[in-house]
Amino acid sequence: MIKSELITLLSEANPHLLHRDVERIVGTVFEEITAAMCRGDRVELRGFGAFSVKTRPARTGRNPRTGEAVAVEEKHVPYFKTGKDLREQLNDQHGS
């Protein structure tokens, strides 16, 4: 599912809301999650999962073409851990 499909589904499920308002709400939620992660905060959505930022330390990598050693800087990467409810729903759905 892509963002526009999510907005359309939510608009259809909530006909009392204007499509542009649903679009603004979804955009604001994503912006706030992004802003929190940029601050280094963890974002937990109970039953769904938690977004956090992990740090990958600097290391020495290799250029695949030349085999030459290359310094790779430390980087911050997003990490998502599923919640118990989501994990159980996925396993129940695929197990039966």
PDB file of N, CA and C in Angstrom:
ATOM      1  N   MET A   1       0.845  -1.176   0.000  1.00  0.00           N
ATOM      2  CA  MET A   1       0.000   0.000   0.000  1.00  0.00           C
ATOM      3  C   MET A   1       0.888   1.235   0.000  1.00  0.00           C
ATOM      4  N   ILE A   2       0.483   2.214  -0.792  1.00  0.00           N
ATOM      5  CA  ILE A   2       1.221   3.469  -0.826  1.00  0.00           C
ATOM      6  C   ILE A   2       0.400   4.550  -0.133  1.00  0.00           C
ATOM      7  N   LYS A   3       1.051   5.682   0.147  1.00  0.00           N
ATOM      8  CA  LYS A   3       0.432   6.754   0.915  1.00  0.00           C
ATOM      9  C   LYS A   3      -0.907   7.202   0.315  1.00  0.00           C
ATOM     10  N   SER A   4      -0.966   7.363  -0.998  1.00  0.00           N
ATOM     11  CA  SER A   4      -2.212   7.824  -1.631  1.00  0.00           C
ATOM     12  C   SER A   4      -3.336   6.796  -1.461  1.00  0.00           C
ATOM     13  N   GLU A   5      -3.007   5.510  -1.468  1.00  0.00           N
ATOM     14  CA  GLU A   5      -4.017   4.465  -1.250  1.00  0.00           C
ATOM     15  C   GLU A   5      -4.536   4.519   0.185  1.00  0.00           C
ATOM     16  N   LEU A   6      -3.639   4.772   1.136  1.00  0.00           N
ATOM     17  CA  LEU A   6      -4.032   4.904   2.536  1.00  0.00           C
ATOM     18  C   LEU A   6      -4.989   6.081   2.700  1.00  0.00           C
ATOM     19  N   ILE A   7      -4.658   7.200   2.084  1.00  0.00           N
ATOM     20  CA  ILE A   7      -5.509   8.393   2.161  1.00  0.00           C
ATOM     21  C   ILE A   7      -6.883   8.105   1.563  1.00  0.00           C
ATOM     22  N   THR A   8      -6.917   7.438   0.427  1.00  0.00           N
ATOM     23  CA  THR A   8      -8.192   7.100  -0.213  1.00  0.00           C
ATOM     24  C   THR A   8      -9.024   6.177   0.678  1.00  0.00           C
ATOM     25  N   LEU A   9      -8.407   5.142   1.242  1.00  0.00           N
ATOM     26  CA  LEU A   9      -9.125   4.225   2.144  1.00  0.00           C
ATOM     27  C   LEU A   9      -9.706   4.959   3.345  1.00  0.00           C
ATOM     28  N   LEU A  10      -8.900   5.827   3.955  1.00  0.00           N
ATOM     29  CA  LEU A  10      -9.374   6.573   5.122  1.00  0.00           C
ATOM     30  C   LEU A  10     -10.487   7.541   4.745  1.00  0.00           C
ATOM     31  N   SER A  11     -10.382   8.159   3.570  1.00  0.00           N
ATOM     32  CA  SER A  11     -11.433   9.075   3.099  1.00  0.00           C
ATOM     33  C   SER A  11     -12.741   8.327   2.885  1.00  0.00           C
ATOM     34  N   GLU A  12     -12.665   7.146   2.292  1.00  0.00           N
ATOM     35  CA  GLU A  12     -13.866   6.341   2.049  1.00  0.00           C
ATOM     36  C   GLU A  12     -14.486   5.844   3.358  1.00  0.00           C
ATOM     37  N   ALA A  13     -13.638   5.520   4.330  1.00  0.00           N
ATOM     38  CA  ALA A  13     -14.130   5.023   5.620  1.00  0.00           C
ATOM     39  C   ALA A  13     -14.693   6.156   6.487  1.00  0.00           C
ATOM     40  N   ASN A  14     -14.337   7.407   6.152  1.00  0.00           N
ATOM     41  CA  ASN A  14     -14.783   8.570   6.924  1.00  0.00           C
ATOM     42  C   ASN A  14     -15.364   9.623   5.988  1.00  0.00           C
ATOM     43  N   PRO A  15     -16.551   9.359   5.434  1.00  0.00           N
ATOM     44  CA  PRO A  15     -17.117  10.269   4.441  1.00  0.00           C
ATOM     45  C   PRO A  15     -17.421  11.672   4.985  1.00  0.00           C
ATOM     46  N   HIS A  16     -17.483  11.815   6.311  1.00  0.00           N
ATOM     47  CA  HIS A  16     -17.727  13.131   6.903  1.00  0.00           C
ATOM     48  C   HIS A  16     -16.482  14.028   6.829  1.00  0.00           C
ATOM     49  N   LEU A  17     -15.322  13.456   6.496  1.00  0.00           N
ATOM     50  CA  LEU A  17     -14.083  14.235   6.362  1.00  0.00           C
ATOM     51  C   LEU A  17     -13.793  14.494   4.890  1.00  0.00           C
ATOM     52  N   LEU A  18     -13.299  15.677   4.601  1.00  0.00           N
ATOM     53  CA  LEU A  18     -12.896  16.003   3.242  1.00  0.00           C
ATOM     54  C   LEU A  18     -11.602  15.279   2.900  1.00  0.00           C
ATOM     55  N   HIS A  19     -11.459  14.912   1.640  1.00  0.00           N
ATOM     56  CA  HIS A  19     -10.264  14.194   1.185  1.00  0.00           C
ATOM     57  C   HIS A  19      -8.996  14.980   1.532  1.00  0.00           C
ATOM     58  N   ARG A  20      -9.028  16.297   1.318  1.00  0.00           N
ATOM     59  CA  ARG A  20      -7.831  17.110   1.592  1.00  0.00           C
ATOM     60  C   ARG A  20      -7.493  17.151   3.077  1.00  0.00           C
ATOM     61  N   ASP A  21      -8.537  17.043   3.940  1.00  0.00           N
ATOM     62  CA  ASP A  21      -8.293  17.015   5.381  1.00  0.00           C
ATOM     63  C   ASP A  21      -7.633  15.699   5.785  1.00  0.00           C
ATOM     64  N   VAL A  22      -8.094  14.598   5.214  1.00  0.00           N
ATOM     65  CA  VAL A  22      -7.491  13.286   5.487  1.00  0.00           C
ATOM     66  C   VAL A  22      -6.036  13.300   5.015  1.00  0.00           C
ATOM     67  N   GLU A  23      -5.801  13.903   3.843  1.00  0.00           N
ATOM     68  CA  GLU A  23      -4.445  14.005   3.302  1.00  0.00           C
ATOM     69  C   GLU A  23      -3.545  14.784   4.263  1.00  0.00           C
ATOM     70  N   ARG A  24      -4.080  15.869   4.815  1.00  0.00           N
ATOM     71  CA  ARG A  24      -3.318  16.694   5.761  1.00  0.00           C
ATOM     72  C   ARG A  24      -3.041  15.933   7.057  1.00  0.00           C
ATOM     73  N   ILE A  25      -4.013  15.176   7.526  1.00  0.00           N
ATOM     74  CA  ILE A  25      -3.856  14.398   8.761  1.00  0.00           C
ATOM     75  C   ILE A  25      -2.768  13.338   8.586  1.00  0.00           C
ATOM     76  N   VAL A  26      -2.855  12.576   7.501  1.00  0.00           N
ATOM     77  CA  VAL A  26      -1.858  11.523   7.245  1.00  0.00           C
ATOM     78  C   VAL A  26      -0.464  12.144   7.114  1.00  0.00           C
ATOM     79  N   GLY A  27      -0.367  13.246   6.376  1.00  0.00           N
ATOM     80  CA  GLY A  27       0.921  13.929   6.212  1.00  0.00           C
ATOM     81  C   GLY A  27       1.486  14.400   7.540  1.00  0.00           C
ATOM     82  N   THR A  28       0.616  14.937   8.398  1.00  0.00           N
ATOM     83  CA  THR A  28       1.050  15.426   9.710  1.00  0.00           C
ATOM     84  C   THR A  28       1.549  14.281  10.587  1.00  0.00           C
ATOM     85  N   VAL A  29       0.847  13.145  10.559  1.00  0.00           N
ATOM     86  CA  VAL A  29       1.281  11.984  11.352  1.00  0.00           C
ATOM     87  C   VAL A  29       2.680  11.548  10.915  1.00  0.00           C
ATOM     88  N   PHE A  30       2.899  11.430   9.595  1.00  0.00           N
ATOM     89  CA  PHE A  30       4.207  11.012   9.100  1.00  0.00           C
ATOM     90  C   PHE A  30       5.283  12.046   9.438  1.00  0.00           C
ATOM     91  N   GLU A  31       4.954  13.331   9.329  1.00  0.00           N
ATOM     92  CA  GLU A  31       5.914  14.389   9.664  1.00  0.00           C
ATOM     93  C   GLU A  31       6.310  14.326  11.130  1.00  0.00           C
ATOM     94  N   GLU A  32       5.340  14.080  12.011  1.00  0.00           N
ATOM     95  CA  GLU A  32       5.634  14.011  13.447  1.00  0.00           C
ATOM     96  C   GLU A  32       6.473  12.788  13.794  1.00  0.00           C
ATOM     97  N   ILE A  33       6.193  11.659  13.162  1.00  0.00           N
ATOM     98  CA  ILE A  33       7.017  10.464  13.388  1.00  0.00           C
ATOM     99  C   ILE A  33       8.448  10.748  12.932  1.00  0.00           C
ATOM    100  N   THR A  34       8.584  11.351  11.758  1.00  0.00           N
ATOM    101  CA  THR A  34       9.910  11.684  11.222  1.00  0.00           C
ATOM    102  C   THR A  34      10.643  12.658  12.136  1.00  0.00           C
ATOM    103  N   ALA A  35       9.947  13.706  12.592  1.00  0.00           N
ATOM    104  CA  ALA A  35      10.571  14.708  13.464  1.00  0.00           C
ATOM    105  C   ALA A  35      11.041  14.079  14.773  1.00  0.00           C
ATOM    106  N   ALA A  36      10.219  13.211  15.341  1.00  0.00           N
ATOM    107  CA  ALA A  36      10.598  12.541  16.597  1.00  0.00           C
ATOM    108  C   ALA A  36      11.840  11.685  16.397  1.00  0.00           C
ATOM    109  N   MET A  37      11.883  10.950  15.293  1.00  0.00           N
ATOM    110  CA  MET A  37      13.043  10.097  15.031  1.00  0.00           C
ATOM    111  C   MET A  37      14.289  10.943  14.782  1.00  0.00           C
ATOM    112  N   CYS A  38      14.146  12.088  14.124  1.00  0.00           N
ATOM    113  CA  CYS A  38      15.286  12.980  13.889  1.00  0.00           C
ATOM    114  C   CYS A  38      15.838  13.520  15.205  1.00  0.00           C
ATOM    115  N   ARG A  39      14.964  13.665  16.202  1.00  0.00           N
ATOM    116  CA  ARG A  39      15.406  14.107  17.536  1.00  0.00           C
ATOM    117  C   ARG A  39      16.025  12.961  18.330  1.00  0.00           C
ATOM    118  N   GLY A  40      15.909  11.741  17.788  1.00  0.00           N
ATOM    119  CA  GLY A  40      16.439  10.576  18.489  1.00  0.00           C
ATOM    120  C   GLY A  40      15.414   9.911  19.382  1.00  0.00           C
ATOM    121  N   ASP A  41      14.153  10.353  19.286  1.00  0.00           N
ATOM    122  CA  ASP A  41      13.093   9.767  20.109  1.00  0.00           C
ATOM    123  C   ASP A  41      12.588   8.471  19.487  1.00  0.00           C
ATOM    124  N   ARG A  42      12.011   7.649  20.317  1.00  0.00           N
ATOM    125  CA  ARG A  42      11.383   6.402  19.882  1.00  0.00           C
ATOM    126  C   ARG A  42       9.892   6.683  19.751  1.00  0.00           C
ATOM    127  N   VAL A  43       9.258   6.164  18.713  1.00  0.00           N
ATOM    128  CA  VAL A  43       7.821   6.361  18.501  1.00  0.00           C
ATOM    129  C   VAL A  43       7.148   5.000  18.608  1.00  0.00           C
ATOM    130  N   GLU A  44       6.288   4.864  19.609  1.00  0.00           N
ATOM    131  CA  GLU A  44       5.623   3.586  19.837  1.00  0.00           C
ATOM    132  C   GLU A  44       4.135   3.716  19.556  1.00  0.00           C
ATOM    133  N   LEU A  45       3.623   2.845  18.706  1.00  0.00           N
ATOM    134  CA  LEU A  45       2.197   2.764  18.420  1.00  0.00           C
ATOM    135  C   LEU A  45       1.738   1.423  18.966  1.00  0.00           C
ATOM    136  N   ARG A  46       1.131   1.444  20.131  1.00  0.00           N
ATOM    137  CA  ARG A  46       0.771   0.215  20.840  1.00  0.00           C
ATOM    138  C   ARG A  46       0.016  -0.751  19.943  1.00  0.00           C
ATOM    139  N   GLY A  47       0.436  -2.003  19.968  1.00  0.00           N
ATOM    140  CA  GLY A  47      -0.211  -3.041  19.186  1.00  0.00           C
ATOM    141  C   GLY A  47       0.285  -3.111  17.753  1.00  0.00           C
ATOM    142  N   PHE A  48       0.907  -2.024  17.278  1.00  0.00           N
ATOM    143  CA  PHE A  48       1.398  -1.986  15.893  1.00  0.00           C
ATOM    144  C   PHE A  48       2.905  -2.173  15.857  1.00  0.00           C
ATOM    145  N   GLY A  49       3.635  -1.310  16.568  1.00  0.00           N
ATOM    146  CA  GLY A  49       5.077  -1.435  16.585  1.00  0.00           C
ATOM    147  C   GLY A  49       5.751  -0.163  17.053  1.00  0.00           C
ATOM    148  N   ALA A  50       7.065  -0.172  16.998  1.00  0.00           N
ATOM    149  CA  ALA A  50       7.848   0.970  17.463  1.00  0.00           C
ATOM    150  C   ALA A  50       8.913   1.328  16.430  1.00  0.00           C
ATOM    151  N   PHE A  51       9.010   2.618  16.168  1.00  0.00           N
ATOM    152  CA  PHE A  51      10.030   3.152  15.274  1.00  0.00           C
ATOM    153  C   PHE A  51      11.142   3.726  16.136  1.00  0.00           C
ATOM    154  N   SER A  52      12.373   3.435  15.784  1.00  0.00           N
ATOM    155  CA  SER A  52      13.511   4.006  16.491  1.00  0.00           C
ATOM    156  C   SER A  52      14.656   4.190  15.502  1.00  0.00           C
ATOM    157  N   VAL A  53      15.741   4.774  16.002  1.00  0.00           N
ATOM    158  CA  VAL A  53      16.911   5.023  15.161  1.00  0.00           C
ATOM    159  C   VAL A  53      18.077   4.237  15.737  1.00  0.00           C
ATOM    160  N   LYS A  54      18.737   3.495  14.897  1.00  0.00           N
ATOM    161  CA  LYS A  54      19.937   2.758  15.310  1.00  0.00           C
ATOM    162  C   LYS A  54      21.142   3.405  14.645  1.00  0.00           C
ATOM    163  N   THR A  55      22.275   3.336  15.316  1.00  0.00           N
ATOM    164  CA  THR A  55      23.498   3.911  14.782  1.00  0.00           C
ATOM    165  C   THR A  55      24.413   2.789  14.310  1.00  0.00           C
ATOM    166  N   ARG A  56      24.824   2.900  13.063  1.00  0.00           N
ATOM    167  CA  ARG A  56      25.813   1.964  12.533  1.00  0.00           C
ATOM    168  C   ARG A  56      27.174   2.639  12.657  1.00  0.00           C
ATOM    169  N   PRO A  57      28.113   2.016  13.342  1.00  0.00           N
ATOM    170  CA  PRO A  57      29.415   2.650  13.533  1.00  0.00           C
ATOM    171  C   PRO A  57      30.204   2.760  12.222  1.00  0.00           C
ATOM    172  N   ALA A  58      31.165   3.670  12.233  1.00  0.00           N
ATOM    173  CA  ALA A  58      32.053   3.810  11.077  1.00  0.00           C
ATOM    174  C   ALA A  58      32.810   2.498  10.891  1.00  0.00           C
ATOM    175  N   ARG A  59      33.135   2.193   9.637  1.00  0.00           N
ATOM    176  CA  ARG A  59      33.846   0.948   9.357  1.00  0.00           C
ATOM    177  C   ARG A  59      34.650   1.110   8.076  1.00  0.00           C
ATOM    178  N   THR A  60      35.445   0.113   7.793  1.00  0.00           N
ATOM    179  CA  THR A  60      36.179   0.094   6.534  1.00  0.00           C
ATOM    180  C   THR A  60      35.470  -0.871   5.603  1.00  0.00           C
ATOM    181  N   GLY A  61      35.044  -0.350   4.443  1.00  0.00           N
ATOM    182  CA  GLY A  61      34.370  -1.184   3.457  1.00  0.00           C
ATOM    183  C   GLY A  61      35.289  -1.416   2.266  1.00  0.00           C
ATOM    184  N   ARG A  62      34.785  -2.062   1.255  1.00  0.00           N
ATOM    185  CA  ARG A  62      35.565  -2.331   0.043  1.00  0.00           C
ATOM    186  C   ARG A  62      34.799  -1.865  -1.178  1.00  0.00           C
ATOM    187  N   ASN A  63      35.497  -1.232  -2.109  1.00  0.00           N
ATOM    188  CA  ASN A  63      34.913  -0.873  -3.388  1.00  0.00           C
ATOM    189  C   ASN A  63      34.775  -2.173  -4.179  1.00  0.00           C
ATOM    190  N   PRO A  64      33.555  -2.556  -4.580  1.00  0.00           N
ATOM    191  CA  PRO A  64      33.377  -3.847  -5.243  1.00  0.00           C
ATOM    192  C   PRO A  64      34.077  -3.935  -6.604  1.00  0.00           C
ATOM    193  N   ARG A  65      34.291  -2.817  -7.275  1.00  0.00           N
ATOM    194  CA  ARG A  65      34.961  -2.840  -8.579  1.00  0.00           C
ATOM    195  C   ARG A  65      36.463  -3.013  -8.464  1.00  0.00           C
ATOM    196  N   THR A  66      37.051  -2.247  -7.520  1.00  0.00           N
ATOM    197  CA  THR A  66      38.517  -2.243  -7.443  1.00  0.00           C
ATOM    198  C   THR A  66      39.058  -3.066  -6.288  1.00  0.00           C
ATOM    199  N   GLY A  67      38.208  -3.344  -5.298  1.00  0.00           N
ATOM    200  CA  GLY A  67      38.683  -4.055  -4.116  1.00  0.00           C
ATOM    201  C   GLY A  67      39.391  -3.138  -3.144  1.00  0.00           C
ATOM    202  N   GLU A  68      39.459  -1.857  -3.474  1.00  0.00           N
ATOM    203  CA  GLU A  68      40.153  -0.870  -2.639  1.00  0.00           C
ATOM    204  C   GLU A  68      39.380  -0.629  -1.347  1.00  0.00           C
ATOM    205  N   ALA A  69      40.104  -0.463  -0.251  1.00  0.00           N
ATOM    206  CA  ALA A  69      39.481  -0.170   1.038  1.00  0.00           C
ATOM    207  C   ALA A  69      38.916   1.245   1.008  1.00  0.00           C
ATOM    208  N   VAL A  70      37.698   1.391   1.544  1.00  0.00           N
ATOM    209  CA  VAL A  70      37.026   2.688   1.570  1.00  0.00           C
ATOM    210  C   VAL A  70      36.482   2.925   2.968  1.00  0.00           C
ATOM    211  N   ALA A  71      36.680   4.146   3.473  1.00  0.00           N
ATOM    212  CA  ALA A  71      36.145   4.489   4.791  1.00  0.00           C
ATOM    213  C   ALA A  71      34.651   4.766   4.661  1.00  0.00           C
ATOM    214  N   VAL A  72      33.847   4.082   5.462  1.00  0.00           N
ATOM    215  CA  VAL A  72      32.401   4.296   5.483  1.00  0.00           C
ATOM    216  C   VAL A  72      32.079   4.989   6.803  1.00  0.00           C
ATOM    217  N   GLU A  73      31.461   6.167   6.712  1.00  0.00           N
ATOM    218  CA  GLU A  73      31.167   6.953   7.907  1.00  0.00           C
ATOM    219  C   GLU A  73      30.055   6.328   8.740  1.00  0.00           C
ATOM    220  N   GLU A  74      30.010   6.728  10.008  1.00  0.00           N
ATOM    221  CA  GLU A  74      28.918   6.326  10.884  1.00  0.00           C
ATOM    222  C   GLU A  74      27.610   6.826  10.273  1.00  0.00           C
ATOM    223  N   LYS A  75      26.545   6.038  10.411  1.00  0.00           N
ATOM    224  CA  LYS A  75      25.253   6.486   9.899  1.00  0.00           C
ATOM    225  C   LYS A  75      24.133   6.063  10.823  1.00  0.00           C
ATOM    226  N   HIS A  76      23.052   6.815  10.734  1.00  0.00           N
ATOM    227  CA  HIS A  76      21.858   6.537  11.522  1.00  0.00           C
ATOM    228  C   HIS A  76      20.811   5.954  10.580  1.00  0.00           C
ATOM    229  N   VAL A  77      20.220   4.834  10.974  1.00  0.00           N
ATOM    230  CA  VAL A  77      19.248   4.165  10.124  1.00  0.00           C
ATOM    231  C   VAL A  77      17.947   3.939  10.906  1.00  0.00           C
ATOM    232  N   PRO A  78      16.806   4.073  10.212  1.00  0.00           N
ATOM    233  CA  PRO A  78      15.531   3.820  10.886  1.00  0.00           C
ATOM    234  C   PRO A  78      15.367   2.327  11.155  1.00  0.00           C
ATOM    235  N   TYR A  79      14.684   2.025  12.251  1.00  0.00           N
ATOM    236  CA  TYR A  79      14.457   0.636  12.640  1.00  0.00           C
ATOM    237  C   TYR A  79      13.006   0.518  13.091  1.00  0.00           C
ATOM    238  N   PHE A  80      12.339  -0.552  12.677  1.00  0.00           N
ATOM    239  CA  PHE A  80      10.956  -0.799  13.075  1.00  0.00           C
ATOM    240  C   PHE A  80      10.856  -2.167  13.716  1.00  0.00           C
ATOM    241  N   LYS A  81      10.281  -2.199  14.896  1.00  0.00           N
ATOM    242  CA  LYS A  81      10.051  -3.474  15.578  1.00  0.00           C
ATOM    243  C   LYS A  81       8.547  -3.655  15.711  1.00  0.00           C
ATOM    244  N   THR A  82       8.039  -4.764  15.201  1.00  0.00           N
ATOM    245  CA  THR A  82       6.589  -5.003  15.244  1.00  0.00           C
ATOM    246  C   THR A  82       6.107  -5.198  16.671  1.00  0.00           C
ATOM    247  N   GLY A  83       4.872  -4.784  16.893  1.00  0.00           N
ATOM    248  CA  GLY A  83       4.230  -4.994  18.182  1.00  0.00           C
ATOM    249  C   GLY A  83       3.683  -6.402  18.275  1.00  0.00           C
ATOM    250  N   LYS A  84       3.385  -6.815  19.488  1.00  0.00           N
ATOM    251  CA  LYS A  84       2.895  -8.176  19.728  1.00  0.00           C
ATOM    252  C   LYS A  84       1.597  -8.447  18.969  1.00  0.00           C
ATOM    253  N   ASP A  85       0.652  -7.503  19.012  1.00  0.00           N
ATOM    254  CA  ASP A  85      -0.642  -7.715  18.338  1.00  0.00           C
ATOM    255  C   ASP A  85      -0.464  -7.899  16.841  1.00  0.00           C
ATOM    256  N   LEU A  86       0.354  -7.058  16.214  1.00  0.00           N
ATOM    257  CA  LEU A  86       0.592  -7.160  14.776  1.00  0.00           C
ATOM    258  C   LEU A  86       1.257  -8.492  14.440  1.00  0.00           C
ATOM    259  N   ARG A  87       2.260  -8.859  15.216  1.00  0.00           N
ATOM    260  CA  ARG A  87       2.971 -10.120  14.980  1.00  0.00           C
ATOM    261  C   ARG A  87       2.019 -11.305  15.092  1.00  0.00           C
ATOM    262  N   GLU A  88       1.133 -11.278  16.108  1.00  0.00           N
ATOM    263  CA  GLU A  88       0.171 -12.374  16.277  1.00  0.00           C
ATOM    264  C   GLU A  88      -0.819 -12.425  15.119  1.00  0.00           C
ATOM    265  N   GLN A  89      -1.304 -11.253  14.666  1.00  0.00           N
ATOM    266  CA  GLN A  89      -2.238 -11.231  13.534  1.00  0.00           C
ATOM    267  C   GLN A  89      -1.585 -11.778  12.275  1.00  0.00           C
ATOM    268  N   LEU A  90      -0.355 -11.410  12.046  1.00  0.00           N
ATOM    269  CA  LEU A  90       0.356 -11.906  10.859  1.00  0.00           C
ATOM    270  C   LEU A  90       0.527 -13.415  10.915  1.00  0.00           C
ATOM    271  N   ASN A  91       0.895 -13.920  12.074  1.00  0.00           N
ATOM    272  CA  ASN A  91       1.111 -15.367  12.213  1.00  0.00           C
ATOM    273  C   ASN A  91      -0.190 -16.145  12.171  1.00  0.00           C
ATOM    274  N   ASP A  92      -1.275 -15.595  12.734  1.00  0.00           N
ATOM    275  CA  ASP A  92      -2.571 -16.273  12.668  1.00  0.00           C
ATOM    276  C   ASP A  92      -3.089 -16.307  11.245  1.00  0.00           C
ATOM    277  N   GLN A  93      -2.927 -15.212  10.527  1.00  0.00           N
ATOM    278  CA  GLN A  93      -3.421 -15.113   9.148  1.00  0.00           C
ATOM    279  C   GLN A  93      -2.673 -16.056   8.220  1.00  0.00           C
ATOM    280  N   HIS A  94      -1.366 -16.139   8.376  1.00  0.00           N
ATOM    281  CA  HIS A  94      -0.576 -16.978   7.482  1.00  0.00           C
ATOM    282  C   HIS A  94      -0.506 -18.439   7.942  1.00  0.00           C
ATOM    283  N   GLY A  95      -0.839 -18.664   9.221  1.00  0.00           N
ATOM    284  CA  GLY A  95      -0.761 -20.023   9.730  1.00  0.00           C
ATOM    285  C   GLY A  95      -1.986 -20.862   9.384  1.00  0.00           C
ATOM    286  N   SER A  96      -3.126 -20.199   9.129  1.00  0.00           N
ATOM    287  CA  SER A  96      -4.328 -20.982   8.853  1.00  0.00           C
ATOM    288  C   SER A  96      -4.697 -21.016   7.395  1.00  0.00           C
TER     289      SER A  96
END
